[in-house]
Protein backbone atom coordinates (compact mmCIF):
# COMPACT_ATOMS: atom_id res chain seq x y z
CA ALA A 1 -18.37 27.31 -22.05
CA PHE A 2 -19.30 30.97 -22.39
CA LEU A 3 -21.16 32.67 -25.23
CA VAL A 4 -20.96 36.46 -25.41
CA THR A 5 -23.55 38.61 -27.19
CA ASP A 6 -23.96 42.37 -27.17
CA ASP A 7 -25.61 42.49 -23.76
CA ARG A 8 -25.78 38.88 -22.58
CA LEU A 9 -23.42 36.30 -21.17
CA ILE A 10 -24.61 32.74 -21.77
CA THR A 11 -23.03 29.84 -19.88
CA VAL A 12 -23.15 26.24 -21.07
CA GLY A 13 -22.06 23.48 -18.69
CA SER A 14 -22.82 20.20 -17.02
CA HIS A 15 -24.79 19.67 -13.83
CA ASP A 16 -21.94 17.46 -12.58
CA VAL A 17 -19.63 20.43 -11.92
CA ASN A 18 -21.49 21.75 -8.89
CA ASN A 19 -18.57 23.78 -7.55
CA THR A 20 -18.13 25.61 -10.84
CA ASN A 21 -21.84 26.28 -11.21
CA ALA A 22 -22.00 27.61 -7.65
CA ALA A 23 -19.00 29.88 -8.24
CA ILE A 24 -20.57 31.29 -11.42
CA ALA A 25 -23.91 31.84 -9.67
CA LYS A 26 -22.22 33.79 -6.85
CA THR A 27 -20.24 35.85 -9.35
CA VAL A 28 -23.35 36.71 -11.37
CA ALA A 29 -25.19 37.71 -8.20
CA ARG A 30 -22.32 40.00 -7.20
CA PHE A 31 -21.22 41.46 -10.54
CA GLY A 32 -24.35 41.03 -12.65
CA SER A 33 -24.75 44.78 -13.10
CA GLU A 34 -21.35 45.20 -14.76
CA SER A 35 -20.58 44.94 -18.46
CA VAL A 36 -20.66 41.61 -20.24
CA TYR A 37 -16.89 41.31 -20.52
CA SER A 38 -16.27 42.42 -16.94
CA LEU A 39 -18.75 39.76 -15.81
CA LEU A 40 -17.02 37.20 -18.04
CA TRP A 41 -13.61 37.99 -16.54
CA GLN A 42 -15.02 37.73 -13.03
CA CYS A 43 -16.56 34.35 -13.85
CA LEU A 44 -13.25 33.13 -15.27
CA LEU A 45 -11.48 34.40 -12.16
CA ALA A 46 -13.96 32.56 -9.92
CA ILE A 47 -13.47 29.33 -11.89
CA THR A 48 -9.71 29.76 -11.72
CA ASP A 49 -9.86 30.29 -7.96
CA ASN A 50 -11.58 26.90 -7.62
CA PHE A 51 -8.26 25.32 -8.54
CA VAL A 52 -6.69 26.89 -5.44
CA THR A 53 -9.07 24.85 -3.29
CA LEU A 54 -8.11 21.71 -5.21
CA VAL A 55 -4.40 22.43 -4.70
CA LYS A 56 -4.90 22.89 -0.95
CA GLN A 57 -6.93 19.69 -0.72
CA GLN A 58 -4.26 17.75 -2.60
CA ASP A 59 -1.47 19.15 -0.43
CA ALA A 60 -3.36 18.26 2.75
CA THR A 61 -4.01 14.72 1.50
CA ARG A 62 -0.38 14.35 0.42
CA ARG A 63 0.90 15.39 3.85
CA GLN A 64 -1.44 12.93 5.59
CA ILE A 65 -0.37 10.04 3.37
CA ALA A 66 3.32 10.96 3.68
CA THR A 67 2.99 10.95 7.48
CA ARG A 68 1.43 7.49 7.43
CA LEU A 69 4.06 6.19 5.02
CA ARG A 70 6.87 7.38 7.29
CA GLU A 71 5.35 5.35 10.10
CA HIS A 72 4.43 2.28 8.06
CA THR A 73 4.56 1.71 4.31
CA THR A 74 1.38 0.10 3.00
CA LYS A 75 0.21 -0.81 -0.46
CA LYS A 76 -3.02 1.13 0.11
CA ASP A 77 -1.21 4.42 0.79
CA LEU A 78 1.17 3.89 -2.12
CA LEU A 79 -1.80 3.43 -4.46
CA LYS A 80 -3.36 6.61 -3.06
CA ILE A 81 -0.14 8.52 -3.75
CA ALA A 82 -0.14 7.20 -7.33
CA GLU A 83 -3.78 8.23 -7.81
CA LEU A 84 -3.04 11.64 -6.33
CA ALA A 85 -0.09 12.13 -8.68
CA LEU A 86 -2.25 11.19 -11.68
CA SER A 87 -4.97 13.62 -10.56
CA ALA A 88 -2.38 16.37 -10.09
CA ASP A 89 -1.08 15.76 -13.61
CA PHE A 90 -4.58 16.22 -15.06
CA LEU A 91 -5.04 19.43 -13.06
CA VAL A 92 -1.70 20.78 -14.27
CA ARG A 93 -2.76 20.23 -17.87
CA ALA A 94 -6.13 21.86 -17.19
CA THR A 95 -4.57 24.98 -15.64
CA ILE A 96 -2.06 25.28 -18.47
CA GLN A 97 -4.86 25.04 -21.04
CA ASN A 98 -6.90 27.63 -19.14
CA THR A 99 -3.96 30.03 -19.12
CA ALA A 100 -3.30 29.46 -22.82
CA VAL A 101 -6.94 30.24 -23.70
CA LEU A 102 -6.91 33.42 -21.61
CA LYS A 103 -3.68 34.60 -23.23
CA GLN A 104 -5.11 33.82 -26.64
CA ILE A 105 -8.17 35.95 -25.85
CA HIS A 106 -5.93 38.76 -24.61
CA ALA A 107 -3.77 38.63 -27.74
CA SER A 108 -6.75 38.48 -30.09
CA THR A 109 -7.59 41.66 -32.00
CA ARG A 110 -11.00 40.34 -33.07
CA VAL A 111 -12.74 40.72 -29.69
CA PRO A 112 -14.91 43.83 -30.07
CA GLY A 113 -16.02 46.18 -27.35
CA ILE A 114 -13.25 45.58 -24.80
CA THR A 115 -12.24 48.78 -23.01
CA GLY A 116 -8.89 49.50 -21.41
CA THR A 117 -10.25 48.72 -17.95
CA GLN A 118 -11.67 45.42 -19.14
CA GLY A 119 -8.32 44.59 -20.72
CA GLU A 120 -6.61 45.22 -17.38
CA GLN A 121 -9.17 42.98 -15.68
CA LEU A 122 -8.33 40.23 -18.16
CA GLU A 123 -4.63 40.68 -17.41
CA ASP A 124 -5.38 40.22 -13.70
CA VAL A 125 -7.20 36.98 -14.51
CA ILE A 126 -4.22 35.80 -16.59
CA ILE A 127 -1.80 36.58 -13.75
CA GLU A 128 -4.00 34.65 -11.32
CA ALA A 129 -4.23 31.72 -13.75
CA ASP A 130 -0.44 31.71 -14.19
CA GLN A 131 0.09 31.63 -10.43
CA ILE A 132 -2.34 28.75 -10.00
CA ALA A 133 -0.68 26.86 -12.85
CA GLU A 134 2.67 27.27 -11.07
CA MET A 135 1.11 26.06 -7.80
CA MET A 136 -0.32 23.00 -9.52
CA ASN A 137 2.99 22.33 -11.25
CA LEU A 138 4.87 22.56 -7.94
CA SER A 139 2.36 20.27 -6.24
CA SER A 140 2.65 17.77 -9.09
CA HIS A 141 6.47 17.78 -8.90
CA THR A 142 6.31 17.26 -5.13
CA LEU A 143 4.05 14.24 -5.61
CA ASP A 144 6.36 12.87 -8.30
CA HIS A 145 9.39 13.21 -6.01
CA LEU A 146 7.48 11.54 -3.18
CA THR A 147 6.45 8.67 -5.45
CA ASP A 148 10.00 8.25 -6.76
CA SER A 149 11.41 8.27 -3.22
CA TYR A 150 9.14 5.49 -2.04
CA ASN A 151 9.73 3.52 -5.23
CA THR A 152 13.44 3.71 -4.46
CA VAL A 153 12.85 2.59 -0.88
CA LEU A 154 10.74 -0.35 -2.04
CA ASN A 155 13.34 -1.35 -4.61
CA ASN A 156 16.06 -1.23 -1.96
CA ASN A 157 13.93 -3.34 0.37
CA LEU A 158 13.37 -5.85 -2.41
CA ASN A 159 17.11 -5.97 -3.11
CA ASP A 160 17.80 -6.59 0.58
CA ILE A 161 15.25 -9.41 0.65
CA MET A 162 16.69 -11.01 -2.48
CA ARG A 163 20.21 -10.71 -1.04
CA PHE A 164 19.08 -12.36 2.19
CA MET A 165 17.33 -15.16 0.31
CA THR A 166 20.42 -15.74 -1.84
CA VAL A 167 22.72 -15.92 1.18
CA TRP A 168 20.29 -18.16 3.04
CA SER A 169 19.98 -20.56 0.10
CA ILE A 170 23.79 -20.77 -0.14
CA LEU A 171 24.11 -21.49 3.58
CA LEU A 172 21.45 -24.19 3.39
CA THR A 173 23.56 -26.10 0.88
CA VAL A 174 26.38 -26.63 3.41
CA PRO A 175 24.67 -29.33 5.57
CA THR A 176 23.48 -31.06 2.42
CA ILE A 177 26.99 -31.19 0.96
CA VAL A 178 28.57 -32.47 4.19
CA SER A 179 25.93 -35.14 4.80
CA GLY A 180 26.12 -36.11 1.14
CA PHE A 181 29.82 -36.90 1.45
CA PHE A 182 29.22 -39.20 4.40
CA GLY A 183 26.41 -40.92 2.57
CA MET A 184 28.74 -42.16 -0.17
CA ASN A 185 30.10 -45.71 -0.18
CA VAL A 186 33.73 -44.58 0.11
CA PRO A 187 36.04 -44.58 3.14
CA LEU A 188 35.77 -41.29 5.03
CA PRO A 189 37.08 -40.13 8.41
CA PHE A 190 34.71 -40.72 11.33
CA ALA A 191 32.48 -42.91 9.12
CA HIS A 192 32.51 -45.77 11.64
CA GLU A 193 32.68 -43.73 14.81
CA PRO A 194 29.74 -44.12 17.25
CA LEU A 195 29.42 -40.35 17.44
CA GLY A 196 30.07 -39.82 13.75
CA TRP A 197 26.74 -38.12 13.17
CA ILE A 198 27.56 -35.54 15.87
CA ILE A 199 30.94 -34.93 14.28
CA THR A 200 29.17 -34.49 10.94
CA ILE A 201 26.86 -31.89 12.47
CA ILE A 202 29.82 -30.07 14.05
CA ILE A 203 31.72 -30.01 10.74
CA ALA A 204 28.62 -28.69 8.93
CA ALA A 205 28.09 -26.05 11.64
CA ILE A 206 31.71 -24.87 11.45
CA LEU A 207 31.58 -24.62 7.66
CA TRP A 208 28.15 -22.94 7.86
CA ILE A 209 29.41 -20.29 10.29
CA ALA A 210 32.62 -19.71 8.33
CA LEU A 211 30.75 -19.31 5.06
CA GLY A 212 28.21 -17.03 6.74
CA LEU A 213 30.98 -14.77 8.06
CA LEU A 214 32.64 -14.64 4.64
CA LEU A 215 29.38 -13.75 2.90
CA ASN A 216 28.56 -11.14 5.53
CA ARG A 217 32.00 -9.57 5.11
CA TYR A 218 31.60 -9.54 1.33
CA ILE A 219 28.15 -7.91 1.53
CA ARG A 220 29.35 -5.23 3.95
CA LYS A 221 32.37 -4.52 1.77
CA ASN A 222 30.20 -3.98 -1.31
């Protein structure tokens, strides 16, 4: 947070945001001799520029994970993509809020002592903030599309597995049905043949292959 007095700019923040504190310190060292509002705009610009670094880091991480996922899909990388998408969403909201605050300051008529040059400096900061917000929004959409694509792939893989299991379970019923018929106490062909069990296996195999071909044809057709 920034507090502006007649000739002082007071910053209030947390020690946890080291990057922001370092950016403000560098800005004060470089532009400390300028007016209070010029220094404030430069500090806001430095803070806004920090988001560019975050965008680049996210894009680099996204490309690395996407490369690994193309080679081999793992749960670990999918979770990282989900975490990255969530982080990008928070950053998008932060950049939008920053831009809204800057525009509100620019539109306010109750800010005293702002010269024309300082107003132009504020406009430059707003333009920069808008561009960064667009970058973050684009990065977030890219992550969302990547997440949706791999969700679709995983769903298709699951459907293929379930289809295979269904077909396999149907095929496994064929030997059971054939052997069940010959286990009944009713007259059946080949029931008293010495090689009846081989004939039973052959019948089951023929039916199994025929059913497998029919199911395969049906799946390919649909």
